[in-house]
Amino acid sequence: MALIARALSEQGHLAVRVRLPAERRNVSRSATRALDVLEFFGQARRPLRAVEIARELEMSPSSANQLLKTMVDSAHLVFDAREKTYFPSPRLAAFGTWMGQIFGAAGPLHDLVSSLCARTGLAVTVTTPNDLSMQIIDLAAPGDRPLQRGLTISLFGSATGSAYLAGLGNDEVRRLARRARIPDGDVPAILATLESIRGAGLADGPSGGDHNSWEGTWSLAMCLPTHLAGVPCVLGMAGPRATVLASLAELGAAMREAIEMHFSR
């Protein structure tokens, strides 16, 4: 039986919803683009030319130039006219130092997902709760399993959401269930499932959503130690149903070993 917290009544009422960042109507595109630029600098760790940034973010050269000029004008980037390169300014130093203190200077979260992906060949994510959804904040995935940071998946009905809910008290789960408009009659079954997840230390179940590339996919998830960032984080893996179910115990052990290796300090 899959360990996943889903409502039982009202067929389709809680079908798992997967939503891409660009689908949210309230997003300020220029703001998210600027943050994407800074994230790219963190990955590249060197000065970058406008053409490199435009290519990485799939922007037109004119849009990239306009964005970069705005970021230079606001002193978030500096521009080397001789080399025609951009680089984050000292204005961001305090922010970077703070993030390093929280997540670790070597980036253990990203090291964790990268090493697990390389070891298992499965998509690996770190998610955190965002209202009634779980949102991807870091990931590593094979080329045939496209994912992106910012993608959200329903809190109820998903493996990552179930792992997070299992870490909460039953009163808080009931409160969230009411907000998600889950019928009262379904809540006892959800609480029983969450108790099973607490005992197993792992949630697993079918991946949902309307993205064809994820049909027939099975997911598993477990909570990361909350002291890592002051916010709850869930480690997840997903891959072909038959592959994951055939080695569920081994994959769970691999997740625990990776967490111990990267965060034992």
C-alpha atoms as a PDB file:
ATOM      1  CA  MET A   1       0.000   0.000   0.000  1.00  0.00           C
ATOM      2  CA  ALA A   2       1.415   3.376  -0.952  1.00  0.00           C
ATOM      3  CA  LEU A   3       2.193   5.646   1.961  1.00  0.00           C
ATOM      4  CA  ILE A   4       0.621   8.830   0.705  1.00  0.00           C
ATOM      5  CA  ALA A   5      -1.910  11.171   2.301  1.00  0.00           C
ATOM      6  CA  ARG A   6      -4.811  11.692  -0.065  1.00  0.00           C
ATOM      7  CA  ALA A   7      -8.528  12.226   0.352  1.00  0.00           C
ATOM      8  CA  LEU A   8     -10.754   9.282  -0.467  1.00  0.00           C
ATOM      9  CA  SER A   9     -14.100  10.840  -1.382  1.00  0.00           C
ATOM     10  CA  GLU A  10     -15.149  13.185  -4.179  1.00  0.00           C
ATOM     11  CA  GLN A  11     -13.341  11.568  -7.093  1.00  0.00           C
ATOM     12  CA  GLY A  12     -10.803  14.008  -8.492  1.00  0.00           C
ATOM     13  CA  HIS A  13     -11.374  16.569  -5.738  1.00  0.00           C
ATOM     14  CA  LEU A  14      -7.738  16.374  -4.645  1.00  0.00           C
ATOM     15  CA  ALA A  15      -6.050  15.360  -7.866  1.00  0.00           C
ATOM     16  CA  VAL A  16      -2.403  16.284  -7.470  1.00  0.00           C
ATOM     17  CA  ARG A  17      -1.718  19.615  -9.115  1.00  0.00           C
ATOM     18  CA  VAL A  18       1.700  20.496 -10.485  1.00  0.00           C
ATOM     19  CA  ARG A  19       2.227  24.125 -11.400  1.00  0.00           C
ATOM     20  CA  LEU A  20       5.160  25.777 -13.136  1.00  0.00           C
ATOM     21  CA  PRO A  21       6.437  29.126 -11.845  1.00  0.00           C
ATOM     22  CA  ALA A  22       5.428  30.954 -15.016  1.00  0.00           C
ATOM     23  CA  GLU A  23       1.806  29.860 -14.555  1.00  0.00           C
ATOM     24  CA  ARG A  24       1.327  32.139 -11.543  1.00  0.00           C
ATOM     25  CA  ARG A  25      -0.292  35.333 -12.719  1.00  0.00           C
ATOM     26  CA  ASN A  26       1.048  37.511  -9.897  1.00  0.00           C
ATOM     27  CA  VAL A  27       4.700  36.911 -10.738  1.00  0.00           C
ATOM     28  CA  SER A  28       6.747  39.973 -11.636  1.00  0.00           C
ATOM     29  CA  ARG A  29       8.768  38.570 -14.499  1.00  0.00           C
ATOM     30  CA  SER A  30      11.553  41.136 -14.247  1.00  0.00           C
ATOM     31  CA  ALA A  31      12.001  40.424 -10.536  1.00  0.00           C
ATOM     32  CA  THR A  32      12.280  36.673 -11.031  1.00  0.00           C
ATOM     33  CA  ARG A  33      14.623  37.184 -13.973  1.00  0.00           C
ATOM     34  CA  ALA A  34      16.938  39.300 -11.824  1.00  0.00           C
ATOM     35  CA  LEU A  35      17.030  36.556  -9.207  1.00  0.00           C
ATOM     36  CA  ASP A  36      17.699  33.989 -11.943  1.00  0.00           C
ATOM     37  CA  VAL A  37      20.690  36.090 -12.995  1.00  0.00           C
ATOM     38  CA  LEU A  38      22.092  36.041  -9.462  1.00  0.00           C
ATOM     39  CA  GLU A  39      21.523  32.291  -9.201  1.00  0.00           C
ATOM     40  CA  PHE A  40      23.422  31.789 -12.462  1.00  0.00           C
ATOM     41  CA  PHE A  41      26.348  33.738 -11.050  1.00  0.00           C
ATOM     42  CA  GLY A  42      26.314  31.435  -8.041  1.00  0.00           C
ATOM     43  CA  GLN A  43      26.577  28.432 -10.357  1.00  0.00           C
ATOM     44  CA  ALA A  44      29.186  29.896 -12.717  1.00  0.00           C
ATOM     45  CA  ARG A  45      31.282  31.634 -10.013  1.00  0.00           C
ATOM     46  CA  ARG A  46      33.001  33.941 -12.485  1.00  0.00           C
ATOM     47  CA  PRO A  47      32.332  37.161 -14.407  1.00  0.00           C
ATOM     48  CA  LEU A  48      29.808  36.642 -17.196  1.00  0.00           C
ATOM     49  CA  ARG A  49      29.098  38.308 -20.510  1.00  0.00           C
ATOM     50  CA  ALA A  50      25.609  39.421 -21.449  1.00  0.00           C
ATOM     51  CA  VAL A  51      25.415  36.840 -24.234  1.00  0.00           C
ATOM     52  CA  GLU A  52      26.110  34.026 -21.754  1.00  0.00           C
ATOM     53  CA  ILE A  53      23.393  35.228 -19.416  1.00  0.00           C
ATOM     54  CA  ALA A  54      20.903  35.656 -22.256  1.00  0.00           C
ATOM     55  CA  ARG A  55      21.630  32.144 -23.506  1.00  0.00           C
ATOM     56  CA  GLU A  56      21.328  30.552 -20.064  1.00  0.00           C
ATOM     57  CA  LEU A  57      18.040  32.298 -19.251  1.00  0.00           C
ATOM     58  CA  GLU A  58      16.660  31.963 -22.793  1.00  0.00           C
ATOM     59  CA  MET A  59      16.222  35.716 -23.114  1.00  0.00           C
ATOM     60  CA  SER A  60      16.563  37.903 -26.176  1.00  0.00           C
ATOM     61  CA  PRO A  61      19.814  39.926 -26.238  1.00  0.00           C
ATOM     62  CA  SER A  62      17.898  43.199 -25.954  1.00  0.00           C
ATOM     63  CA  SER A  63      15.899  42.024 -22.916  1.00  0.00           C
ATOM     64  CA  ALA A  64      19.028  40.680 -21.229  1.00  0.00           C
ATOM     65  CA  ASN A  65      20.913  43.925 -21.838  1.00  0.00           C
ATOM     66  CA  GLN A  66      18.052  45.979 -20.419  1.00  0.00           C
ATOM     67  CA  LEU A  67      17.815  43.794 -17.312  1.00  0.00           C
ATOM     68  CA  LEU A  68      21.570  43.835 -16.716  1.00  0.00           C
ATOM     69  CA  LYS A  69      21.715  47.616 -17.138  1.00  0.00           C
ATOM     70  CA  THR A  70      18.970  47.970 -14.514  1.00  0.00           C
ATOM     71  CA  MET A  71      20.871  45.709 -12.119  1.00  0.00           C
ATOM     72  CA  VAL A  72      24.040  47.746 -12.659  1.00  0.00           C
ATOM     73  CA  ASP A  73      22.131  50.998 -12.091  1.00  0.00           C
ATOM     74  CA  SER A  74      20.816  49.603  -8.794  1.00  0.00           C
ATOM     75  CA  ALA A  75      24.351  48.511  -7.794  1.00  0.00           C
ATOM     76  CA  HIS A  76      23.440  44.832  -7.606  1.00  0.00           C
ATOM     77  CA  LEU A  77      25.904  44.134 -10.427  1.00  0.00           C
ATOM     78  CA  VAL A  78      29.130  45.780 -11.512  1.00  0.00           C
ATOM     79  CA  PHE A  79      30.203  46.071 -15.146  1.00  0.00           C
ATOM     80  CA  ASP A  80      33.769  45.773 -16.429  1.00  0.00           C
ATOM     81  CA  ALA A  81      33.768  47.899 -19.576  1.00  0.00           C
ATOM     82  CA  ARG A  82      37.156  46.604 -20.700  1.00  0.00           C
ATOM     83  CA  GLU A  83      36.210  42.904 -20.502  1.00  0.00           C
ATOM     84  CA  LYS A  84      32.496  43.530 -21.127  1.00  0.00           C
ATOM     85  CA  THR A  85      31.583  41.294 -18.214  1.00  0.00           C
ATOM     86  CA  TYR A  86      29.211  41.531 -15.251  1.00  0.00           C
ATOM     87  CA  PHE A  87      29.748  40.425 -11.665  1.00  0.00           C
ATOM     88  CA  PRO A  88      27.720  40.637  -8.413  1.00  0.00           C
ATOM     89  CA  SER A  89      28.564  43.762  -6.439  1.00  0.00           C
ATOM     90  CA  PRO A  90      29.647  43.967  -2.767  1.00  0.00           C
ATOM     91  CA  ARG A  91      26.082  45.092  -2.047  1.00  0.00           C
ATOM     92  CA  LEU A  92      25.144  41.399  -2.049  1.00  0.00           C
ATOM     93  CA  ALA A  93      27.996  40.304   0.237  1.00  0.00           C
ATOM     94  CA  ALA A  94      25.992  40.424   3.473  1.00  0.00           C
ATOM     95  CA  PHE A  95      23.191  38.408   1.870  1.00  0.00           C
ATOM     96  CA  GLY A  96      25.649  35.814   0.558  1.00  0.00           C
ATOM     97  CA  THR A  97      27.347  35.507   3.936  1.00  0.00           C
ATOM     98  CA  TRP A  98      24.032  35.002   5.678  1.00  0.00           C
ATOM     99  CA  MET A  99      22.988  32.296   3.198  1.00  0.00           C
ATOM    100  CA  GLY A 100      26.329  30.582   3.683  1.00  0.00           C
ATOM    101  CA  GLN A 101      25.801  30.510   7.434  1.00  0.00           C
ATOM    102  CA  ILE A 102      22.367  28.942   6.984  1.00  0.00           C
ATOM    103  CA  PHE A 103      22.989  26.427   4.226  1.00  0.00           C
ATOM    104  CA  GLY A 104      26.754  25.986   4.507  1.00  0.00           C
ATOM    105  CA  ALA A 105      29.422  27.605   2.400  1.00  0.00           C
ATOM    106  CA  ALA A 106      29.942  24.429   0.356  1.00  0.00           C
ATOM    107  CA  GLY A 107      26.256  24.179  -0.510  1.00  0.00           C
ATOM    108  CA  PRO A 108      25.426  20.848   1.173  1.00  0.00           C
ATOM    109  CA  LEU A 109      21.829  20.915  -0.030  1.00  0.00           C
ATOM    110  CA  HIS A 110      22.875  21.078  -3.674  1.00  0.00           C
ATOM    111  CA  ASP A 111      25.693  18.606  -3.085  1.00  0.00           C
ATOM    112  CA  LEU A 112      23.111  16.277  -1.568  1.00  0.00           C
ATOM    113  CA  VAL A 113      20.720  16.337  -4.533  1.00  0.00           C
ATOM    114  CA  SER A 114      23.548  16.152  -7.084  1.00  0.00           C
ATOM    115  CA  SER A 115      25.210  13.145  -5.466  1.00  0.00           C
ATOM    116  CA  LEU A 116      21.919  11.280  -5.031  1.00  0.00           C
ATOM    117  CA  CYS A 117      20.946  11.909  -8.649  1.00  0.00           C
ATOM    118  CA  ALA A 118      24.322  10.638  -9.846  1.00  0.00           C
ATOM    119  CA  ARG A 119      24.099   7.580  -7.582  1.00  0.00           C
ATOM    120  CA  THR A 120      20.532   6.547  -8.412  1.00  0.00           C
ATOM    121  CA  GLY A 121      19.826   8.017 -11.846  1.00  0.00           C
ATOM    122  CA  LEU A 122      16.563   9.420 -10.463  1.00  0.00           C
ATOM    123  CA  ALA A 123      15.289  12.974 -10.160  1.00  0.00           C
ATOM    124  CA  VAL A 124      16.111  14.386  -6.723  1.00  0.00           C
ATOM    125  CA  THR A 125      14.513  17.474  -5.192  1.00  0.00           C
ATOM    126  CA  VAL A 126      14.480  19.567  -2.056  1.00  0.00           C
ATOM    127  CA  THR A 127      11.082  21.116  -1.398  1.00  0.00           C
ATOM    128  CA  THR A 128       9.662  23.405   1.252  1.00  0.00           C
ATOM    129  CA  PRO A 129       6.022  24.164   2.118  1.00  0.00           C
ATOM    130  CA  ASN A 130       4.418  27.156   0.440  1.00  0.00           C
ATOM    131  CA  ASP A 131       0.846  27.547   1.678  1.00  0.00           C
ATOM    132  CA  LEU A 132      -1.020  24.414   0.466  1.00  0.00           C
ATOM    133  CA  SER A 133       1.766  23.317  -1.875  1.00  0.00           C
ATOM    134  CA  MET A 134       5.306  22.012  -1.726  1.00  0.00           C
ATOM    135  CA  GLN A 135       7.729  24.086  -3.801  1.00  0.00           C
ATOM    136  CA  ILE A 136      11.011  22.911  -5.331  1.00  0.00           C
ATOM    137  CA  ILE A 137      13.951  25.012  -4.129  1.00  0.00           C
ATOM    138  CA  ASP A 138      16.743  22.792  -5.444  1.00  0.00           C
ATOM    139  CA  LEU A 139      16.988  19.796  -7.747  1.00  0.00           C
ATOM    140  CA  ALA A 140      19.052  17.517  -9.925  1.00  0.00           C
ATOM    141  CA  ALA A 141      17.352  15.496 -12.645  1.00  0.00           C
ATOM    142  CA  PRO A 142      18.186  13.326 -15.671  1.00  0.00           C
ATOM    143  CA  GLY A 143      17.601  14.965 -19.031  1.00  0.00           C
ATOM    144  CA  ASP A 144      14.428  12.959 -19.680  1.00  0.00           C
ATOM    145  CA  ARG A 145      12.845  14.164 -16.434  1.00  0.00           C
ATOM    146  CA  PRO A 146      12.540  17.934 -16.845  1.00  0.00           C
ATOM    147  CA  LEU A 147      12.018  19.919 -13.664  1.00  0.00           C
ATOM    148  CA  GLN A 148      12.580  23.477 -12.598  1.00  0.00           C
ATOM    149  CA  ARG A 149      13.016  25.356  -9.370  1.00  0.00           C
ATOM    150  CA  GLY A 150       9.862  27.069  -8.240  1.00  0.00           C
ATOM    151  CA  LEU A 151       7.577  24.269  -9.462  1.00  0.00           C
ATOM    152  CA  THR A 152       4.846  23.501  -6.917  1.00  0.00           C
ATOM    153  CA  ILE A 153       2.916  20.324  -6.176  1.00  0.00           C
ATOM    154  CA  SER A 154      -0.128  19.845  -3.976  1.00  0.00           C
ATOM    155  CA  LEU A 155       0.517  19.398  -0.257  1.00  0.00           C
ATOM    156  CA  PHE A 156      -2.158  16.708   0.081  1.00  0.00           C
ATOM    157  CA  GLY A 157      -1.842  13.782  -2.300  1.00  0.00           C
ATOM    158  CA  SER A 158       1.889  13.983  -2.989  1.00  0.00           C
ATOM    159  CA  ALA A 159       4.788  12.055  -1.447  1.00  0.00           C
ATOM    160  CA  THR A 160       6.703  15.225  -0.577  1.00  0.00           C
ATOM    161  CA  GLY A 161       3.614  16.790   0.969  1.00  0.00           C
ATOM    162  CA  SER A 162       2.865  13.634   2.932  1.00  0.00           C
ATOM    163  CA  ALA A 163       6.423  13.536   4.317  1.00  0.00           C
ATOM    164  CA  TYR A 164       6.050  17.130   5.478  1.00  0.00           C
ATOM    165  CA  LEU A 165       2.590  16.569   6.965  1.00  0.00           C
ATOM    166  CA  ALA A 166       3.897  13.561   8.895  1.00  0.00           C
ATOM    167  CA  GLY A 167       6.195  15.921  10.771  1.00  0.00           C
ATOM    168  CA  LEU A 168       3.265  18.019  12.012  1.00  0.00           C
ATOM    169  CA  GLY A 169       0.879  17.426  14.859  1.00  0.00           C
ATOM    170  CA  ASN A 170      -2.588  16.118  14.069  1.00  0.00           C
ATOM    171  CA  ASP A 171      -4.265  19.393  15.025  1.00  0.00           C
ATOM    172  CA  GLU A 172      -2.167  21.276  12.483  1.00  0.00           C
ATOM    173  CA  VAL A 173      -2.927  18.646   9.827  1.00  0.00           C
ATOM    174  CA  ARG A 174      -6.651  19.066  10.508  1.00  0.00           C
ATOM    175  CA  ARG A 175      -6.303  22.845  10.149  1.00  0.00           C
ATOM    176  CA  LEU A 176      -4.554  22.487   6.806  1.00  0.00           C
ATOM    177  CA  ALA A 177      -7.110  19.921   5.662  1.00  0.00           C
ATOM    178  CA  ARG A 178      -9.906  22.384   6.352  1.00  0.00           C
ATOM    179  CA  ARG A 179      -8.083  25.063   4.360  1.00  0.00           C
ATOM    180  CA  ALA A 180      -7.644  22.568   1.503  1.00  0.00           C
ATOM    181  CA  ARG A 181     -11.406  21.848   1.655  1.00  0.00           C
ATOM    182  CA  ILE A 182     -10.893  18.183   2.375  1.00  0.00           C
ATOM    183  CA  PRO A 183     -14.128  16.501   3.509  1.00  0.00           C
ATOM    184  CA  ASP A 184     -14.176  15.815   7.249  1.00  0.00           C
ATOM    185  CA  GLY A 185     -14.851  12.160   6.564  1.00  0.00           C
ATOM    186  CA  ASP A 186     -11.501  11.783   4.809  1.00  0.00           C
ATOM    187  CA  VAL A 187      -9.372  13.212   7.609  1.00  0.00           C
ATOM    188  CA  PRO A 188      -9.193  10.075   9.838  1.00  0.00           C
ATOM    189  CA  ALA A 189      -7.787   8.044   6.930  1.00  0.00           C
ATOM    190  CA  ILE A 190      -5.227  10.762   6.236  1.00  0.00           C
ATOM    191  CA  LEU A 191      -4.146  10.838   9.884  1.00  0.00           C
ATOM    192  CA  ALA A 192      -3.796   7.047   9.912  1.00  0.00           C
ATOM    193  CA  THR A 193      -1.635   7.193   6.802  1.00  0.00           C
ATOM    194  CA  LEU A 194       0.551   9.888   8.326  1.00  0.00           C
ATOM    195  CA  GLU A 195       1.051   7.718  11.416  1.00  0.00           C
ATOM    196  CA  SER A 196       2.309   4.951   9.108  1.00  0.00           C
ATOM    197  CA  ILE A 197       4.693   7.389   7.460  1.00  0.00           C
ATOM    198  CA  ARG A 198       6.033   8.462  10.856  1.00  0.00           C
ATOM    199  CA  GLY A 199       6.757   4.840  11.652  1.00  0.00           C
ATOM    200  CA  ALA A 200       8.413   4.148   8.309  1.00  0.00           C
ATOM    201  CA  GLY A 201      10.280   7.457   8.146  1.00  0.00           C
ATOM    202  CA  LEU A 202       9.428   7.585   4.459  1.00  0.00           C
ATOM    203  CA  ALA A 203       6.467   8.526   2.254  1.00  0.00           C
ATOM    204  CA  ASP A 204       5.978   7.083  -1.205  1.00  0.00           C
ATOM    205  CA  GLY A 205       3.323   7.127  -3.874  1.00  0.00           C
ATOM    206  CA  PRO A 206       2.528   7.885  -7.506  1.00  0.00           C
ATOM    207  CA  SER A 207       3.574  11.228  -8.946  1.00  0.00           C
ATOM    208  CA  GLY A 208       0.656  13.229 -10.263  1.00  0.00           C
ATOM    209  CA  GLY A 209      -0.054  16.282 -12.349  1.00  0.00           C
ATOM    210  CA  ASP A 210      -0.805  16.902 -15.984  1.00  0.00           C
ATOM    211  CA  HIS A 211       2.787  16.829 -17.251  1.00  0.00           C
ATOM    212  CA  ASN A 212       3.074  13.888 -19.622  1.00  0.00           C
ATOM    213  CA  SER A 213       6.781  13.363 -18.899  1.00  0.00           C
ATOM    214  CA  TRP A 214       5.862  12.318 -15.339  1.00  0.00           C
ATOM    215  CA  GLU A 215       3.164   9.765 -16.116  1.00  0.00           C
ATOM    216  CA  GLY A 216       3.953   6.361 -14.615  1.00  0.00           C
ATOM    217  CA  THR A 217       6.356   7.902 -12.109  1.00  0.00           C
ATOM    218  CA  TRP A 218       6.726   6.901  -8.455  1.00  0.00           C
ATOM    219  CA  SER A 219       8.026   9.238  -5.760  1.00  0.00           C
ATOM    220  CA  LEU A 220       9.455   8.852  -2.294  1.00  0.00           C
ATOM    221  CA  ALA A 221      10.268  11.520   0.263  1.00  0.00           C
ATOM    222  CA  MET A 222      11.549  12.124   3.770  1.00  0.00           C
ATOM    223  CA  CYS A 223      12.038  15.206   5.912  1.00  0.00           C
ATOM    224  CA  LEU A 224      15.475  16.749   6.286  1.00  0.00           C
ATOM    225  CA  PRO A 225      16.636  17.871   9.739  1.00  0.00           C
ATOM    226  CA  THR A 226      14.858  21.174  10.343  1.00  0.00           C
ATOM    227  CA  HIS A 227      17.948  22.752  11.889  1.00  0.00           C
ATOM    228  CA  LEU A 228      19.468  23.033   8.422  1.00  0.00           C
ATOM    229  CA  ALA A 229      17.775  26.277   7.513  1.00  0.00           C
ATOM    230  CA  GLY A 230      15.206  27.196  10.097  1.00  0.00           C
ATOM    231  CA  VAL A 231      12.519  26.169   7.607  1.00  0.00           C
ATOM    232  CA  PRO A 232      11.204  22.645   7.000  1.00  0.00           C
ATOM    233  CA  CYS A 233      12.728  20.904   3.985  1.00  0.00           C
ATOM    234  CA  VAL A 234      11.816  17.599   2.355  1.00  0.00           C
ATOM    235  CA  LEU A 235      14.154  15.440   0.296  1.00  0.00           C
ATOM    236  CA  GLY A 236      12.385  13.698  -2.588  1.00  0.00           C
ATOM    237  CA  MET A 237      13.225  11.265  -5.371  1.00  0.00           C
ATOM    238  CA  ALA A 238      11.184  10.221  -8.385  1.00  0.00           C
ATOM    239  CA  GLY A 239      11.594   7.854 -11.291  1.00  0.00           C
ATOM    240  CA  PRO A 240       9.872   5.134 -13.317  1.00  0.00           C
ATOM    241  CA  ARG A 241       7.307   3.303 -11.189  1.00  0.00           C
ATOM    242  CA  ALA A 242       8.734  -0.198 -11.714  1.00  0.00           C
ATOM    243  CA  THR A 243      12.299   0.934 -11.049  1.00  0.00           C
ATOM    244  CA  VAL A 244      11.471   2.725  -7.808  1.00  0.00           C
ATOM    245  CA  LEU A 245       9.134   0.069  -6.388  1.00  0.00           C
ATOM    246  CA  ALA A 246      11.650  -2.700  -7.118  1.00  0.00           C
ATOM    247  CA  SER A 247      14.270  -1.012  -4.946  1.00  0.00           C
ATOM    248  CA  LEU A 248      12.256   1.089  -2.509  1.00  0.00           C
ATOM    249  CA  ALA A 249      14.147  -0.063   0.580  1.00  0.00           C
ATOM    250  CA  GLU A 250      17.530   0.466  -1.056  1.00  0.00           C
ATOM    251  CA  LEU A 251      16.565   3.943  -2.262  1.00  0.00           C
ATOM    252  CA  GLY A 252      15.334   4.886   1.193  1.00  0.00           C
ATOM    253  CA  ALA A 253      18.622   3.720   2.659  1.00  0.00           C
ATOM    254  CA  ALA A 254      20.525   5.730   0.051  1.00  0.00           C
ATOM    255  CA  MET A 255      18.599   8.860   1.034  1.00  0.00           C
ATOM    256  CA  ARG A 256      19.394   8.352   4.723  1.00  0.00           C
ATOM    257  CA  GLU A 257      23.077   7.690   4.001  1.00  0.00           C
ATOM    258  CA  ALA A 258      23.315  10.818   1.843  1.00  0.00           C
ATOM    259  CA  ILE A 259      21.697  12.963   4.540  1.00  0.00           C
ATOM    260  CA  GLU A 260      24.114  11.593   7.133  1.00  0.00           C
ATOM    261  CA  MET A 261      27.100  12.130   4.835  1.00  0.00           C
ATOM    262  CA  HIS A 262      26.283  15.736   3.929  1.00  0.00           C
ATOM    263  CA  PHE A 263      24.849  16.963   7.224  1.00  0.00           C
ATOM    264  CA  SER A 264      26.445  14.916   9.991  1.00  0.00           C
ATOM    265  CA  ARG A 265      28.509  17.955  10.960  1.00  0.00           C
END
